[in-house]
Amino acid sequence: MAEYEHAEGSESAYDELGQVFCHIGVMGLYDYAGSDDIQFISRLEKSVWDYLEIRMGMSLTQHMVETMIEHAKQHELSTKMCGKWDISREELAENMEDLAVYVAEGIIEAID
C-alpha cells in the first residue's frame, strides 16, 4: 500500500490520482469496517454490511468516494497535479468523482 500512498512510478495525472485514491479508499474501507484486517473484512456477512450502512449513514462506496474527494480537496491534488502533468485543473476536477467511484468499486470487488 505504501507505493500507492505516494503514487511512485505513476505515468499520468490519472494514474497518480488513481494510486492515491487506492490508498485512501482502502483506509476508508478500514475505517468503515472498524478493522484493518483485510481477511476479516472479506469474510463479513451481508447482514454486517447492512448494519454498517445504517450505522455510518451511507454505503461503503459512498464513504470511500467521499473520503477520496475530501482528501483530494484538503491536499489540493488537482492543483498540484495539473502543474506536474500539464493537464488542466478543470479537466482533472471534472473527472475526479468518476475516478473515485471506479476505484471504490474496484476495491469492493477485490474484497468480495
PDB file of N, CA and C in Angstrom:
ATOM      1  N   MET A   1       0.814  -1.206   0.000  1.00  0.00           N
ATOM      2  CA  MET A   1       0.000   0.000   0.000  1.00  0.00           C
ATOM      3  C   MET A   1       0.852   1.262   0.000  1.00  0.00           C
ATOM      4  N   ALA A   2       2.057   1.176   0.526  1.00  0.00           N
ATOM      5  CA  ALA A   2       2.889   2.381   0.646  1.00  0.00           C
ATOM      6  C   ALA A   2       3.186   3.001  -0.709  1.00  0.00           C
ATOM      7  N   GLU A   3       3.413   2.154  -1.723  1.00  0.00           N
ATOM      8  CA  GLU A   3       3.704   2.713  -3.043  1.00  0.00           C
ATOM      9  C   GLU A   3       2.510   3.465  -3.616  1.00  0.00           C
ATOM     10  N   TYR A   4       1.300   3.052  -3.250  1.00  0.00           N
ATOM     11  CA  TYR A   4       0.112   3.767  -3.705  1.00  0.00           C
ATOM     12  C   TYR A   4      -0.068   5.087  -2.972  1.00  0.00           C
ATOM     13  N   GLU A   5       0.311   5.111  -1.713  1.00  0.00           N
ATOM     14  CA  GLU A   5       0.154   6.335  -0.924  1.00  0.00           C
ATOM     15  C   GLU A   5       0.901   7.500  -1.565  1.00  0.00           C
ATOM     16  N   HIS A   6       2.073   7.218  -2.093  1.00  0.00           N
ATOM     17  CA  HIS A   6       2.893   8.277  -2.686  1.00  0.00           C
ATOM     18  C   HIS A   6       2.881   8.249  -4.211  1.00  0.00           C
ATOM     19  N   ALA A   7       2.137   7.302  -4.799  1.00  0.00           N
ATOM     20  CA  ALA A   7       1.964   7.193  -6.253  1.00  0.00           C
ATOM     21  C   ALA A   7       3.298   7.174  -6.984  1.00  0.00           C
ATOM     22  N   GLU A   8       4.238   6.413  -6.431  1.00  0.00           N
ATOM     23  CA  GLU A   8       5.550   6.316  -7.055  1.00  0.00           C
ATOM     24  C   GLU A   8       5.440   5.563  -8.375  1.00  0.00           C
ATOM     25  N   GLY A   9       6.101   6.065  -9.385  1.00  0.00           N
ATOM     26  CA  GLY A   9       6.115   5.412 -10.682  1.00  0.00           C
ATOM     27  C   GLY A   9       4.885   5.662 -11.526  1.00  0.00           C
ATOM     28  N   SER A  10       4.066   6.625 -11.157  1.00  0.00           N
ATOM     29  CA  SER A  10       2.864   6.906 -11.944  1.00  0.00           C
ATOM     30  C   SER A  10       3.254   7.503 -13.292  1.00  0.00           C
ATOM     31  N   GLU A  11       2.402   7.261 -14.280  1.00  0.00           N
ATOM     32  CA  GLU A  11       2.709   7.658 -15.652  1.00  0.00           C
ATOM     33  C   GLU A  11       1.842   8.791 -16.176  1.00  0.00           C
ATOM     34  N   SER A  12       0.849   9.196 -15.415  1.00  0.00           N
ATOM     35  CA  SER A  12      -0.022  10.296 -15.835  1.00  0.00           C
ATOM     36  C   SER A  12      -0.738  10.842 -14.606  1.00  0.00           C
ATOM     37  N   ALA A  13      -1.445  11.929 -14.801  1.00  0.00           N
ATOM     38  CA  ALA A  13      -2.204  12.518 -13.693  1.00  0.00           C
ATOM     39  C   ALA A  13      -3.256  11.543 -13.178  1.00  0.00           C
ATOM     40  N   TYR A  14      -3.939  10.861 -14.094  1.00  0.00           N
ATOM     41  CA  TYR A  14      -4.984   9.934 -13.674  1.00  0.00           C
ATOM     42  C   TYR A  14      -4.403   8.702 -13.001  1.00  0.00           C
ATOM     43  N   ASP A  15      -3.249   8.249 -13.466  1.00  0.00           N
ATOM     44  CA  ASP A  15      -2.558   7.129 -12.830  1.00  0.00           C
ATOM     45  C   ASP A  15      -2.158   7.514 -11.408  1.00  0.00           C
ATOM     46  N   GLU A  16      -1.584   8.697 -11.254  1.00  0.00           N
ATOM     47  CA  GLU A  16      -1.167   9.162  -9.930  1.00  0.00           C
ATOM     48  C   GLU A  16      -2.367   9.321  -9.006  1.00  0.00           C
ATOM     49  N   LEU A  17      -3.404   9.972  -9.492  1.00  0.00           N
ATOM     50  CA  LEU A  17      -4.597  10.178  -8.678  1.00  0.00           C
ATOM     51  C   LEU A  17      -5.250   8.839  -8.334  1.00  0.00           C
ATOM     52  N   GLY A  18      -5.285   7.930  -9.293  1.00  0.00           N
ATOM     53  CA  GLY A  18      -5.850   6.603  -9.048  1.00  0.00           C
ATOM     54  C   GLY A  18      -5.096   5.849  -7.967  1.00  0.00           C
ATOM     55  N   GLN A  19      -3.765   5.953  -7.987  1.00  0.00           N
ATOM     56  CA  GLN A  19      -2.963   5.284  -6.961  1.00  0.00           C
ATOM     57  C   GLN A  19      -3.218   5.892  -5.583  1.00  0.00           C
ATOM     58  N   VAL A  20      -3.256   7.209  -5.522  1.00  0.00           N
ATOM     59  CA  VAL A  20      -3.553   7.873  -4.244  1.00  0.00           C
ATOM     60  C   VAL A  20      -4.945   7.462  -3.771  1.00  0.00           C
ATOM     61  N   PHE A  21      -5.909   7.439  -4.690  1.00  0.00           N
ATOM     62  CA  PHE A  21      -7.268   7.045  -4.335  1.00  0.00           C
ATOM     63  C   PHE A  21      -7.325   5.591  -3.857  1.00  0.00           C
ATOM     64  N   CYS A  22      -6.510   4.706  -4.427  1.00  0.00           N
ATOM     65  CA  CYS A  22      -6.471   3.319  -3.939  1.00  0.00           C
ATOM     66  C   CYS A  22      -6.081   3.293  -2.469  1.00  0.00           C
ATOM     67  N   HIS A  23      -5.041   4.018  -2.145  1.00  0.00           N
ATOM     68  CA  HIS A  23      -4.583   4.059  -0.750  1.00  0.00           C
ATOM     69  C   HIS A  23      -5.664   4.655   0.156  1.00  0.00           C
ATOM     70  N   ILE A  24      -6.198   5.796  -0.229  1.00  0.00           N
ATOM     71  CA  ILE A  24      -7.211   6.468   0.593  1.00  0.00           C
ATOM     72  C   ILE A  24      -8.477   5.616   0.677  1.00  0.00           C
ATOM     73  N   GLY A  25      -8.845   4.966  -0.415  1.00  0.00           N
ATOM     74  CA  GLY A  25     -10.027   4.106  -0.418  1.00  0.00           C
ATOM     75  C   GLY A  25      -9.898   2.931   0.539  1.00  0.00           C
ATOM     76  N   VAL A  26      -8.730   2.298   0.550  1.00  0.00           N
ATOM     77  CA  VAL A  26      -8.515   1.185   1.477  1.00  0.00           C
ATOM     78  C   VAL A  26      -8.541   1.684   2.921  1.00  0.00           C
ATOM     79  N   MET A  27      -7.975   2.857   3.168  1.00  0.00           N
ATOM     80  CA  MET A  27      -8.049   3.430   4.517  1.00  0.00           C
ATOM     81  C   MET A  27      -9.510   3.708   4.891  1.00  0.00           C
ATOM     82  N   GLY A  28     -10.308   4.157   3.927  1.00  0.00           N
ATOM     83  CA  GLY A  28     -11.737   4.377   4.156  1.00  0.00           C
ATOM     84  C   GLY A  28     -12.467   3.075   4.442  1.00  0.00           C
ATOM     85  N   LEU A  29     -12.074   2.008   3.740  1.00  0.00           N
ATOM     86  CA  LEU A  29     -12.638   0.681   3.995  1.00  0.00           C
ATOM     87  C   LEU A  29     -12.348   0.254   5.427  1.00  0.00           C
ATOM     88  N   TYR A  30     -11.104   0.412   5.861  1.00  0.00           N
ATOM     89  CA  TYR A  30     -10.732   0.054   7.235  1.00  0.00           C
ATOM     90  C   TYR A  30     -11.559   0.852   8.242  1.00  0.00           C
ATOM     91  N   ASP A  31     -11.706   2.133   7.982  1.00  0.00           N
ATOM     92  CA  ASP A  31     -12.486   2.997   8.869  1.00  0.00           C
ATOM     93  C   ASP A  31     -13.937   2.528   8.932  1.00  0.00           C
ATOM     94  N   TYR A  32     -14.508   2.247   7.781  1.00  0.00           N
ATOM     95  CA  TYR A  32     -15.911   1.838   7.686  1.00  0.00           C
ATOM     96  C   TYR A  32     -16.144   0.517   8.411  1.00  0.00           C
ATOM     97  N   ALA A  33     -15.237  -0.439   8.205  1.00  0.00           N
ATOM     98  CA  ALA A  33     -15.396  -1.774   8.784  1.00  0.00           C
ATOM     99  C   ALA A  33     -14.926  -1.844  10.234  1.00  0.00           C
ATOM    100  N   GLY A  34     -14.156  -0.852  10.663  1.00  0.00           N
ATOM    101  CA  GLY A  34     -13.643  -0.862  12.029  1.00  0.00           C
ATOM    102  C   GLY A  34     -12.519  -1.853  12.240  1.00  0.00           C
ATOM    103  N   SER A  35     -11.836  -2.223  11.162  1.00  0.00           N
ATOM    104  CA  SER A  35     -10.735  -3.181  11.241  1.00  0.00           C
ATOM    105  C   SER A  35      -9.785  -2.932  10.082  1.00  0.00           C
ATOM    106  N   ASP A  36      -8.498  -3.221  10.305  1.00  0.00           N
ATOM    107  CA  ASP A  36      -7.546  -3.125   9.203  1.00  0.00           C
ATOM    108  C   ASP A  36      -7.081  -4.513   8.760  1.00  0.00           C
ATOM    109  N   ASP A  37      -7.850  -5.527   9.128  1.00  0.00           N
ATOM    110  CA  ASP A  37      -7.567  -6.907   8.737  1.00  0.00           C
ATOM    111  C   ASP A  37      -8.392  -7.239   7.492  1.00  0.00           C
ATOM    112  N   ILE A  38      -7.745  -7.201   6.343  1.00  0.00           N
ATOM    113  CA  ILE A  38      -8.457  -7.384   5.070  1.00  0.00           C
ATOM    114  C   ILE A  38      -9.081  -8.780   4.977  1.00  0.00           C
ATOM    115  N   GLN A  39      -8.443  -9.783   5.567  1.00  0.00           N
ATOM    116  CA  GLN A  39      -9.015 -11.137   5.576  1.00  0.00           C
ATOM    117  C   GLN A  39     -10.331 -11.148   6.361  1.00  0.00           C
ATOM    118  N   PHE A  40     -10.318 -10.519   7.521  1.00  0.00           N
ATOM    119  CA  PHE A  40     -11.520 -10.419   8.352  1.00  0.00           C
ATOM    120  C   PHE A  40     -12.620  -9.672   7.601  1.00  0.00           C
ATOM    121  N   ILE A  41     -12.261  -8.552   7.006  1.00  0.00           N
ATOM    122  CA  ILE A  41     -13.236  -7.731   6.282  1.00  0.00           C
ATOM    123  C   ILE A  41     -13.857  -8.521   5.137  1.00  0.00           C
ATOM    124  N   SER A  42     -13.041  -9.272   4.412  1.00  0.00           N
ATOM    125  CA  SER A  42     -13.553 -10.012   3.253  1.00  0.00           C
ATOM    126  C   SER A  42     -14.520 -11.127   3.655  1.00  0.00           C
ATOM    127  N   ARG A  43     -14.504 -11.525   4.922  1.00  0.00           N
ATOM    128  CA  ARG A  43     -15.406 -12.583   5.391  1.00  0.00           C
ATOM    129  C   ARG A  43     -16.676 -12.049   6.055  1.00  0.00           C
ATOM    130  N   LEU A  44     -16.848 -10.741   6.114  1.00  0.00           N
ATOM    131  CA  LEU A  44     -18.047 -10.185   6.750  1.00  0.00           C
ATOM    132  C   LEU A  44     -19.297 -10.581   5.973  1.00  0.00           C
ATOM    133  N   GLU A  45     -20.325 -10.940   6.710  1.00  0.00           N
ATOM    134  CA  GLU A  45     -21.603 -11.342   6.119  1.00  0.00           C
ATOM    135  C   GLU A  45     -22.379 -10.112   5.640  1.00  0.00           C
ATOM    136  N   LYS A  46     -23.329 -10.345   4.742  1.00  0.00           N
ATOM    137  CA  LYS A  46     -24.158  -9.260   4.218  1.00  0.00           C
ATOM    138  C   LYS A  46     -24.880  -8.518   5.343  1.00  0.00           C
ATOM    139  N   SER A  47     -25.329  -9.239   6.356  1.00  0.00           N
ATOM    140  CA  SER A  47     -26.046  -8.589   7.465  1.00  0.00           C
ATOM    141  C   SER A  47     -25.146  -7.587   8.194  1.00  0.00           C
ATOM    142  N   VAL A  48     -23.853  -7.875   8.277  1.00  0.00           N
ATOM    143  CA  VAL A  48     -22.911  -6.941   8.908  1.00  0.00           C
ATOM    144  C   VAL A  48     -22.765  -5.698   8.042  1.00  0.00           C
ATOM    145  N   TRP A  49     -22.649  -5.902   6.722  1.00  0.00           N
ATOM    146  CA  TRP A  49     -22.536  -4.752   5.810  1.00  0.00           C
ATOM    147  C   TRP A  49     -23.800  -3.899   5.871  1.00  0.00           C
ATOM    148  N   ASP A  50     -24.963  -4.559   5.968  1.00  0.00           N
ATOM    149  CA  ASP A  50     -26.227  -3.819   6.092  1.00  0.00           C
ATOM    150  C   ASP A  50     -26.242  -2.987   7.373  1.00  0.00           C
ATOM    151  N   TYR A  51     -25.778  -3.573   8.472  1.00  0.00           N
ATOM    152  CA  TYR A  51     -25.705  -2.852   9.744  1.00  0.00           C
ATOM    153  C   TYR A  51     -24.741  -1.669   9.629  1.00  0.00           C
ATOM    154  N   LEU A  52     -23.573  -1.907   9.032  1.00  0.00           N
ATOM    155  CA  LEU A  52     -22.589  -0.831   8.888  1.00  0.00           C
ATOM    156  C   LEU A  52     -23.147   0.326   8.064  1.00  0.00           C
ATOM    157  N   GLU A  53     -23.919   0.001   7.036  1.00  0.00           N
ATOM    158  CA  GLU A  53     -24.520   1.057   6.213  1.00  0.00           C
ATOM    159  C   GLU A  53     -25.482   1.906   7.040  1.00  0.00           C
ATOM    160  N   ILE A  54     -26.251   1.266   7.898  1.00  0.00           N
ATOM    161  CA  ILE A  54     -27.168   2.009   8.772  1.00  0.00           C
ATOM    162  C   ILE A  54     -26.373   2.839   9.775  1.00  0.00           C
ATOM    163  N   ARG A  55     -25.374   2.220  10.404  1.00  0.00           N
ATOM    164  CA  ARG A  55     -24.568   2.912  11.416  1.00  0.00           C
ATOM    165  C   ARG A  55     -23.823   4.109  10.831  1.00  0.00           C
ATOM    166  N   MET A  56     -23.267   3.935   9.628  1.00  0.00           N
ATOM    167  CA  MET A  56     -22.480   5.002   9.014  1.00  0.00           C
ATOM    168  C   MET A  56     -23.358   6.018   8.275  1.00  0.00           C
ATOM    169  N   GLY A  57     -24.596   5.642   7.976  1.00  0.00           N
ATOM    170  CA  GLY A  57     -25.497   6.550   7.275  1.00  0.00           C
ATOM    171  C   GLY A  57     -25.221   6.657   5.790  1.00  0.00           C
ATOM    172  N   MET A  58     -24.431   5.722   5.274  1.00  0.00           N
ATOM    173  CA  MET A  58     -24.119   5.701   3.838  1.00  0.00           C
ATOM    174  C   MET A  58     -23.522   4.349   3.482  1.00  0.00           C
ATOM    175  N   SER A  59     -23.519   4.063   2.191  1.00  0.00           N
ATOM    176  CA  SER A  59     -22.933   2.807   1.724  1.00  0.00           C
ATOM    177  C   SER A  59     -21.409   2.877   1.799  1.00  0.00           C
ATOM    178  N   LEU A  60     -20.778   1.718   1.707  1.00  0.00           N
ATOM    179  CA  LEU A  60     -19.318   1.662   1.689  1.00  0.00           C
ATOM    180  C   LEU A  60     -18.771   2.452   0.506  1.00  0.00           C
ATOM    181  N   THR A  61     -19.385   2.287  -0.656  1.00  0.00           N
ATOM    182  CA  THR A  61     -18.929   3.030  -1.838  1.00  0.00           C
ATOM    183  C   THR A  61     -18.992   4.529  -1.584  1.00  0.00           C
ATOM    184  N   GLN A  62     -20.115   5.013  -1.075  1.00  0.00           N
ATOM    185  CA  GLN A  62     -20.256   6.446  -0.789  1.00  0.00           C
ATOM    186  C   GLN A  62     -19.192   6.919   0.194  1.00  0.00           C
ATOM    187  N   HIS A  63     -18.953   6.128   1.234  1.00  0.00           N
ATOM    188  CA  HIS A  63     -17.960   6.501   2.247  1.00  0.00           C
ATOM    189  C   HIS A  63     -16.570   6.615   1.622  1.00  0.00           C
ATOM    190  N   MET A  64     -16.195   5.630   0.826  1.00  0.00           N
ATOM    191  CA  MET A  64     -14.864   5.663   0.220  1.00  0.00           C
ATOM    192  C   MET A  64     -14.737   6.832  -0.751  1.00  0.00           C
ATOM    193  N   VAL A  65     -15.753   7.053  -1.574  1.00  0.00           N
ATOM    194  CA  VAL A  65     -15.708   8.160  -2.536  1.00  0.00           C
ATOM    195  C   VAL A  65     -15.598   9.492  -1.798  1.00  0.00           C
ATOM    196  N   GLU A  66     -16.414   9.688  -0.775  1.00  0.00           N
ATOM    197  CA  GLU A  66     -16.341  10.941  -0.005  1.00  0.00           C
ATOM    198  C   GLU A  66     -14.970  11.120   0.637  1.00  0.00           C
ATOM    199  N   THR A  67     -14.402  10.029   1.149  1.00  0.00           N
ATOM    200  CA  THR A  67     -13.073  10.084   1.762  1.00  0.00           C
ATOM    201  C   THR A  67     -12.022  10.492   0.731  1.00  0.00           C
ATOM    202  N   MET A  68     -12.102   9.918  -0.461  1.00  0.00           N
ATOM    203  CA  MET A  68     -11.144  10.238  -1.526  1.00  0.00           C
ATOM    204  C   MET A  68     -11.267  11.693  -1.970  1.00  0.00           C
ATOM    205  N   ILE A  69     -12.487  12.139  -2.203  1.00  0.00           N
ATOM    206  CA  ILE A  69     -12.717  13.509  -2.672  1.00  0.00           C
ATOM    207  C   ILE A  69     -12.277  14.513  -1.608  1.00  0.00           C
ATOM    208  N   GLU A  70     -12.591  14.242  -0.359  1.00  0.00           N
ATOM    209  CA  GLU A  70     -12.179  15.136   0.726  1.00  0.00           C
ATOM    210  C   GLU A  70     -10.657  15.205   0.818  1.00  0.00           C
ATOM    211  N   HIS A  71      -9.997  14.070   0.687  1.00  0.00           N
ATOM    212  CA  HIS A  71      -8.528  14.048   0.712  1.00  0.00           C
ATOM    213  C   HIS A  71      -7.968  14.882  -0.445  1.00  0.00           C
ATOM    214  N   ALA A  72      -8.552  14.707  -1.621  1.00  0.00           N
ATOM    215  CA  ALA A  72      -8.089  15.459  -2.795  1.00  0.00           C
ATOM    216  C   ALA A  72      -8.246  16.962  -2.580  1.00  0.00           C
ATOM    217  N   LYS A  73      -9.362  17.369  -1.978  1.00  0.00           N
ATOM    218  CA  LYS A  73      -9.584  18.797  -1.710  1.00  0.00           C
ATOM    219  C   LYS A  73      -8.619  19.316  -0.660  1.00  0.00           C
ATOM    220  N   GLN A  74      -8.486  18.584   0.444  1.00  0.00           N
ATOM    221  CA  GLN A  74      -7.610  19.024   1.535  1.00  0.00           C
ATOM    222  C   GLN A  74      -6.162  19.181   1.080  1.00  0.00           C
ATOM    223  N   HIS A  75      -5.735  18.300   0.188  1.00  0.00           N
ATOM    224  CA  HIS A  75      -4.342  18.310  -0.255  1.00  0.00           C
ATOM    225  C   HIS A  75      -4.157  18.974  -1.619  1.00  0.00           C
ATOM    226  N   GLU A  76      -5.229  19.616  -2.109  1.00  0.00           N
ATOM    227  CA  GLU A  76      -5.196  20.352  -3.373  1.00  0.00           C
ATOM    228  C   GLU A  76      -4.549  19.536  -4.492  1.00  0.00           C
ATOM    229  N   LEU A  77      -4.978  18.284  -4.614  1.00  0.00           N
ATOM    230  CA  LEU A  77      -4.361  17.385  -5.582  1.00  0.00           C
ATOM    231  C   LEU A  77      -4.541  17.842  -7.019  1.00  0.00           C
ATOM    232  N   SER A  78      -5.711  18.376  -7.368  1.00  0.00           N
ATOM    233  CA  SER A  78      -5.899  18.801  -8.762  1.00  0.00           C
ATOM    234  C   SER A  78      -4.957  19.942  -9.113  1.00  0.00           C
ATOM    235  N   THR A  79      -4.727  20.852  -8.185  1.00  0.00           N
ATOM    236  CA  THR A  79      -3.802  21.965  -8.427  1.00  0.00           C
ATOM    237  C   THR A  79      -2.373  21.456  -8.556  1.00  0.00           C
ATOM    238  N   LYS A  80      -1.968  20.575  -7.655  1.00  0.00           N
ATOM    239  CA  LYS A  80      -0.603  20.041  -7.686  1.00  0.00           C
ATOM    240  C   LYS A  80      -0.349  19.220  -8.945  1.00  0.00           C
ATOM    241  N   MET A  81      -1.324  18.422  -9.329  1.00  0.00           N
ATOM    242  CA  MET A  81      -1.125  17.523 -10.462  1.00  0.00           C
ATOM    243  C   MET A  81      -1.200  18.231 -11.802  1.00  0.00           C
ATOM    244  N   CYS A  82      -1.989  19.296 -11.888  1.00  0.00           N
ATOM    245  CA  CYS A  82      -2.104  19.978 -13.182  1.00  0.00           C
ATOM    246  C   CYS A  82      -0.763  20.572 -13.588  1.00  0.00           C
ATOM    247  N   GLY A  83      -0.005  21.082 -12.645  1.00  0.00           N
ATOM    248  CA  GLY A  83       1.315  21.606 -12.962  1.00  0.00           C
ATOM    249  C   GLY A  83       2.305  20.514 -13.290  1.00  0.00           C
ATOM    250  N   LYS A  84       2.233  19.436 -12.542  1.00  0.00           N
ATOM    251  CA  LYS A  84       3.168  18.324 -12.727  1.00  0.00           C
ATOM    252  C   LYS A  84       2.942  17.599 -14.047  1.00  0.00           C
ATOM    253  N   TRP A  85       1.687  17.421 -14.437  1.00  0.00           N
ATOM    254  CA  TRP A  85       1.355  16.598 -15.594  1.00  0.00           C
ATOM    255  C   TRP A  85       0.854  17.398 -16.799  1.00  0.00           C
ATOM    256  N   ASP A  86       0.864  18.692 -16.720  1.00  0.00           N
ATOM    257  CA  ASP A  86       0.411  19.528 -17.832  1.00  0.00           C
ATOM    258  C   ASP A  86      -1.000  19.153 -18.287  1.00  0.00           C
ATOM    259  N   ILE A  87      -1.911  19.171 -17.325  1.00  0.00           N
ATOM    260  CA  ILE A  87      -3.322  18.896 -17.581  1.00  0.00           C
ATOM    261  C   ILE A  87      -4.105  20.016 -16.900  1.00  0.00           C
ATOM    262  N   SER A  88      -5.231  20.379 -17.463  1.00  0.00           N
ATOM    263  CA  SER A  88      -5.989  21.478 -16.860  1.00  0.00           C
ATOM    264  C   SER A  88      -6.633  21.026 -15.549  1.00  0.00           C
ATOM    265  N   ARG A  89      -6.647  21.929 -14.600  1.00  0.00           N
ATOM    266  CA  ARG A  89      -7.252  21.646 -13.299  1.00  0.00           C
ATOM    267  C   ARG A  89      -8.733  21.327 -13.466  1.00  0.00           C
ATOM    268  N   GLU A  90      -9.386  22.035 -14.376  1.00  0.00           N
ATOM    269  CA  GLU A  90     -10.816  21.822 -14.609  1.00  0.00           C
ATOM    270  C   GLU A  90     -11.082  20.405 -15.108  1.00  0.00           C
ATOM    271  N   GLU A  91     -10.251  19.944 -16.066  1.00  0.00           N
ATOM    272  CA  GLU A  91     -10.438  18.591 -16.604  1.00  0.00           C
ATOM    273  C   GLU A  91     -10.266  17.548 -15.505  1.00  0.00           C
ATOM    274  N   LEU A  92      -9.227  17.712 -14.716  1.00  0.00           N
ATOM    275  CA  LEU A  92      -8.963  16.768 -13.634  1.00  0.00           C
ATOM    276  C   LEU A  92     -10.099  16.796 -12.611  1.00  0.00           C
ATOM    277  N   ALA A  93     -10.547  17.985 -12.244  1.00  0.00           N
ATOM    278  CA  ALA A  93     -11.629  18.124 -11.263  1.00  0.00           C
ATOM    279  C   ALA A  93     -12.933  17.509 -11.781  1.00  0.00           C
ATOM    280  N   GLU A  94     -13.204  17.677 -13.083  1.00  0.00           N
ATOM    281  CA  GLU A  94     -14.428  17.133 -13.681  1.00  0.00           C
ATOM    282  C   GLU A  94     -14.469  15.612 -13.617  1.00  0.00           C
ATOM    283  N   ASN A  95     -13.311  14.974 -13.694  1.00  0.00           N
ATOM    284  CA  ASN A  95     -13.242  13.517 -13.746  1.00  0.00           C
ATOM    285  C   ASN A  95     -12.919  12.867 -12.403  1.00  0.00           C
ATOM    286  N   MET A  96     -12.689  13.673 -11.388  1.00  0.00           N
ATOM    287  CA  MET A  96     -12.240  13.161 -10.100  1.00  0.00           C
ATOM    288  C   MET A  96     -13.263  12.233  -9.447  1.00  0.00           C
ATOM    289  N   GLU A  97     -14.519  12.626  -9.423  1.00  0.00           N
ATOM    290  CA  GLU A  97     -15.523  11.791  -8.762  1.00  0.00           C
ATOM    291  C   GLU A  97     -15.718  10.470  -9.497  1.00  0.00           C
ATOM    292  N   ASP A  98     -15.735  10.499 -10.833  1.00  0.00           N
ATOM    293  CA  ASP A  98     -15.872   9.252 -11.590  1.00  0.00           C
ATOM    294  C   ASP A  98     -14.708   8.311 -11.306  1.00  0.00           C
ATOM    295  N   LEU A  99     -13.505   8.858 -11.219  1.00  0.00           N
ATOM    296  CA  LEU A  99     -12.339   8.040 -10.901  1.00  0.00           C
ATOM    297  C   LEU A  99     -12.465   7.469  -9.492  1.00  0.00           C
ATOM    298  N   ALA A 100     -12.932   8.272  -8.548  1.00  0.00           N
ATOM    299  CA  ALA A 100     -13.109   7.801  -7.168  1.00  0.00           C
ATOM    300  C   ALA A 100     -14.116   6.651  -7.110  1.00  0.00           C
ATOM    301  N   VAL A 101     -15.208   6.768  -7.842  1.00  0.00           N
ATOM    302  CA  VAL A 101     -16.215   5.701  -7.883  1.00  0.00           C
ATOM    303  C   VAL A 101     -15.605   4.437  -8.484  1.00  0.00           C
ATOM    304  N   TYR A 102     -14.872   4.594  -9.580  1.00  0.00           N
ATOM    305  CA  TYR A 102     -14.230   3.460 -10.249  1.00  0.00           C
ATOM    306  C   TYR A 102     -13.283   2.736  -9.291  1.00  0.00           C
ATOM    307  N   VAL A 103     -12.461   3.488  -8.576  1.00  0.00           N
ATOM    308  CA  VAL A 103     -11.506   2.903  -7.627  1.00  0.00           C
ATOM    309  C   VAL A 103     -12.251   2.226  -6.477  1.00  0.00           C
ATOM    310  N   ALA A 104     -13.259   2.888  -5.927  1.00  0.00           N
ATOM    311  CA  ALA A 104     -14.031   2.308  -4.819  1.00  0.00           C
ATOM    312  C   ALA A 104     -14.680   0.991  -5.241  1.00  0.00           C
ATOM    313  N   GLU A 105     -15.265   0.969  -6.423  1.00  0.00           N
ATOM    314  CA  GLU A 105     -15.901  -0.259  -6.911  1.00  0.00           C
ATOM    315  C   GLU A 105     -14.873  -1.370  -7.103  1.00  0.00           C
ATOM    316  N   GLY A 106     -13.674  -1.014  -7.553  1.00  0.00           N
ATOM    317  CA  GLY A 106     -12.603  -1.999  -7.708  1.00  0.00           C
ATOM    318  C   GLY A 106     -12.159  -2.577  -6.378  1.00  0.00           C
ATOM    319  N   ILE A 107     -12.055  -1.740  -5.368  1.00  0.00           N
ATOM    320  CA  ILE A 107     -11.668  -2.208  -4.030  1.00  0.00           C
ATOM    321  C   ILE A 107     -12.734  -3.161  -3.492  1.00  0.00           C
ATOM    322  N   ILE A 108     -13.989  -2.784  -3.645  1.00  0.00           N
ATOM    323  CA  ILE A 108     -15.086  -3.628  -3.156  1.00  0.00           C
ATOM    324  C   ILE A 108     -15.093  -4.963  -3.888  1.00  0.00           C
ATOM    325  N   GLU A 109     -14.876  -4.929  -5.191  1.00  0.00           N
ATOM    326  CA  GLU A 109     -14.825  -6.166  -5.974  1.00  0.00           C
ATOM    327  C   GLU A 109     -13.677  -7.058  -5.493  1.00  0.00           C
ATOM    328  N   ALA A 110     -12.560  -6.461  -5.147  1.00  0.00           N
ATOM    329  CA  ALA A 110     -11.390  -7.228  -4.705  1.00  0.00           C
ATOM    330  C   ALA A 110     -11.624  -7.925  -3.364  1.00  0.00           C
ATOM    331  N   ILE A 111     -12.463  -7.344  -2.505  1.00  0.00           N
ATOM    332  CA  ILE A 111     -12.702  -7.984  -1.200  1.00  0.00           C
ATOM    333  C   ILE A 111     -13.888  -8.940  -1.227  1.00  0.00           C
ATOM    334  N   ASP A 112     -14.670  -8.928  -2.294  1.00  0.00           N
ATOM    335  CA  ASP A 112     -15.825  -9.845  -2.391  1.00  0.00           C
ATOM    336  C   ASP A 112     -15.391 -11.255  -2.716  1.00  0.00           C
TER     337      ASP A 112
END
